[in-house]
């Protein structure tokens, strides 16, 4: 918590200033949870915010809340513990390689005759047998 600023009344549900941007982002995303954390949990949250950043923690909380009914921010603490550090300033996000025109589909020539799997296997075995007989 910042020096010189009065400590929030955590027993009365006060939210420390360092956590206010996170609480506001999560609440603005219509995720309404209780922030009844202990002093030790607020300290852990402060460390997580410094390591991973407000945006990452907020996005992760909103994703979790979309999948299950969460009533307390305490539920997010365990998931936030496993998040990576925030990327270095100026890091360019990875982009998926665009699929070539037509996607990843191999076009079929409908005019060409096609054999089924059984016929392909029979041809393969006949060629292998002919190769073995040629070696003898």
Protein backbone atom coordinates (compact mmCIF):
# COMPACT_ATOMS: atom_id res chain seq x y z
CA UNK A 1 0.00 0.00 0.00
CA UNK A 2 1.22 3.49 -0.64
CA UNK A 3 3.17 5.28 2.05
CA UNK A 4 1.55 8.24 3.71
CA UNK A 5 -1.97 7.30 2.58
CA UNK A 6 -4.30 6.05 5.27
CA UNK A 7 -4.84 2.31 5.11
CA UNK A 8 -8.34 1.32 4.02
CA UNK A 9 -10.61 -0.19 6.60
CA UNK A 10 -10.29 -3.78 5.33
CA UNK A 11 -12.55 -5.08 8.08
CA UNK A 12 -15.37 -2.91 6.72
CA UNK A 13 -14.88 -4.10 3.14
CA UNK A 14 -12.59 -1.26 2.07
CA UNK A 15 -10.61 -1.72 -1.12
CA UNK A 16 -6.98 -0.58 -1.19
CA UNK A 17 -6.06 2.02 -3.82
CA UNK A 18 -3.68 -0.36 -5.62
CA UNK A 19 -6.62 -2.74 -6.26
CA UNK A 20 -9.16 -0.11 -7.34
CA UNK A 21 -8.37 -0.31 -11.12
CA UNK A 22 -8.77 -4.11 -11.03
CA UNK A 23 -12.01 -3.97 -9.05
CA UNK A 24 -13.38 -1.30 -11.40
CA UNK A 25 -12.51 -3.29 -14.57
CA UNK A 26 -14.08 -6.48 -13.26
CA UNK A 27 -17.18 -4.65 -12.05
CA UNK A 28 -17.49 -2.76 -15.37
CA UNK A 29 -17.56 -6.16 -17.09
CA UNK A 30 -20.68 -6.92 -15.02
CA UNK A 31 -18.93 -9.41 -12.76
CA UNK A 32 -20.18 -8.60 -9.28
CA UNK A 33 -18.19 -10.31 -6.54
CA UNK A 34 -17.44 -9.56 -2.93
CA UNK A 35 -13.95 -8.21 -2.18
CA UNK A 36 -13.83 -9.48 1.40
CA UNK A 37 -10.15 -10.41 1.37
CA UNK A 38 -7.91 -10.69 4.40
CA UNK A 39 -4.87 -8.44 4.79
CA UNK A 40 -2.62 -11.31 3.65
CA UNK A 41 -4.75 -11.89 0.57
CA UNK A 42 -4.58 -8.19 -0.31
CA UNK A 43 -0.79 -8.44 -0.11
CA UNK A 44 -0.82 -11.46 -2.44
CA UNK A 45 -3.09 -9.57 -4.82
CA UNK A 46 -0.72 -6.60 -4.78
CA UNK A 47 2.16 -8.90 -5.78
CA UNK A 48 0.05 -10.47 -8.56
CA UNK A 49 -0.90 -7.04 -9.90
CA UNK A 50 2.76 -6.00 -10.00
CA UNK A 51 3.74 -9.23 -11.77
CA UNK A 52 0.90 -9.75 -14.26
CA UNK A 53 -0.86 -6.39 -14.50
CA UNK A 54 -4.43 -5.22 -14.15
CA UNK A 55 -5.52 -6.17 -17.68
CA UNK A 56 -4.40 -9.79 -17.46
CA UNK A 57 -5.99 -10.36 -14.05
CA UNK A 58 -9.24 -8.68 -15.08
CA UNK A 59 -9.55 -10.61 -18.35
CA UNK A 60 -8.88 -13.88 -16.57
CA UNK A 61 -11.47 -13.12 -13.89
CA UNK A 62 -14.12 -12.26 -16.49
CA UNK A 63 -13.36 -15.48 -18.39
CA UNK A 64 -13.70 -17.55 -15.20
CA UNK A 65 -16.90 -15.78 -14.16
CA UNK A 66 -18.43 -16.50 -17.59
CA UNK A 67 -18.04 -20.24 -16.93
CA UNK A 68 -19.18 -20.46 -13.32
CA UNK A 69 -21.06 -18.52 -10.71
CA UNK A 70 -18.47 -16.68 -8.60
CA UNK A 71 -19.51 -14.75 -5.51
CA UNK A 72 -16.15 -13.79 -4.01
CA UNK A 73 -12.94 -12.39 -5.48
CA UNK A 74 -11.14 -14.90 -3.26
CA UNK A 75 -12.07 -17.51 -5.88
CA UNK A 76 -9.85 -15.74 -8.44
CA UNK A 77 -6.72 -15.66 -6.26
CA UNK A 78 -5.75 -19.26 -6.94
CA UNK A 79 -6.17 -18.91 -10.71
CA UNK A 80 -4.27 -15.61 -10.76
CA UNK A 81 -1.34 -17.25 -8.98
CA UNK A 82 -0.60 -19.34 -12.07
CA UNK A 83 -0.67 -16.47 -14.58
CA UNK A 84 2.60 -15.51 -16.27
CA UNK A 85 4.30 -12.16 -15.79
CA UNK A 86 3.07 -9.34 -18.00
CA UNK A 87 4.92 -9.18 -21.33
CA UNK A 88 7.75 -6.68 -21.65
CA UNK A 89 6.86 -3.24 -22.96
CA UNK A 90 6.70 -3.24 -26.76
CA UNK A 91 6.23 -7.01 -27.14
CA UNK A 92 4.30 -7.75 -30.32
CA UNK A 93 1.55 -10.34 -29.78
CA UNK A 94 1.83 -13.59 -31.69
CA UNK A 95 -0.52 -13.87 -34.63
CA UNK A 96 -1.82 -17.13 -36.08
CA UNK A 97 -0.39 -17.97 -39.48
CA UNK A 98 -3.03 -17.11 -42.05
CA UNK A 99 -4.34 -20.06 -44.01
CA UNK A 100 -3.63 -19.94 -47.74
CA UNK A 101 -6.44 -19.03 -50.08
CA UNK A 102 -8.81 -21.95 -50.02
CA UNK A 103 -7.82 -22.90 -46.49
CA UNK A 104 -6.19 -26.18 -45.62
CA UNK A 105 -8.41 -28.25 -47.89
CA UNK A 106 -6.90 -30.41 -50.61
CA UNK A 107 -9.08 -30.03 -53.69
CA UNK A 108 -10.35 -33.26 -55.20
CA UNK A 109 -10.39 -33.82 -58.93
CA UNK A 110 -13.86 -35.25 -59.32
CA UNK A 111 -13.15 -36.36 -62.88
CA UNK A 112 -10.23 -38.60 -61.84
CA UNK A 113 -11.13 -42.17 -60.87
CA UNK A 114 -10.66 -42.86 -57.18
CA UNK A 115 -10.11 -46.14 -55.40
CA UNK A 116 -11.48 -47.02 -52.01
CA UNK A 117 -9.24 -47.98 -49.11
CA UNK A 118 -9.70 -51.70 -49.68
CA UNK A 119 -8.65 -51.37 -53.32
CA UNK A 120 -5.65 -49.22 -52.35
CA UNK A 121 -4.58 -51.80 -49.76
CA UNK A 122 -4.94 -54.65 -52.25
CA UNK A 123 -2.80 -52.77 -54.78
CA UNK A 124 -0.14 -52.10 -52.13
CA UNK A 125 -0.03 -55.76 -51.04
CA UNK A 126 0.10 -56.96 -54.67
CA UNK A 127 3.04 -54.62 -55.37
CA UNK A 128 4.84 -55.83 -52.21
CA UNK A 129 4.26 -59.49 -53.18
CA UNK A 130 5.53 -58.84 -56.70
CA UNK A 131 8.66 -57.18 -55.27
CA UNK A 132 9.30 -60.17 -52.99
CA UNK A 133 8.86 -62.62 -55.90
CA UNK A 134 11.25 -60.57 -58.04
CA UNK A 135 13.94 -60.90 -55.35
CA UNK A 136 13.75 -64.71 -55.36
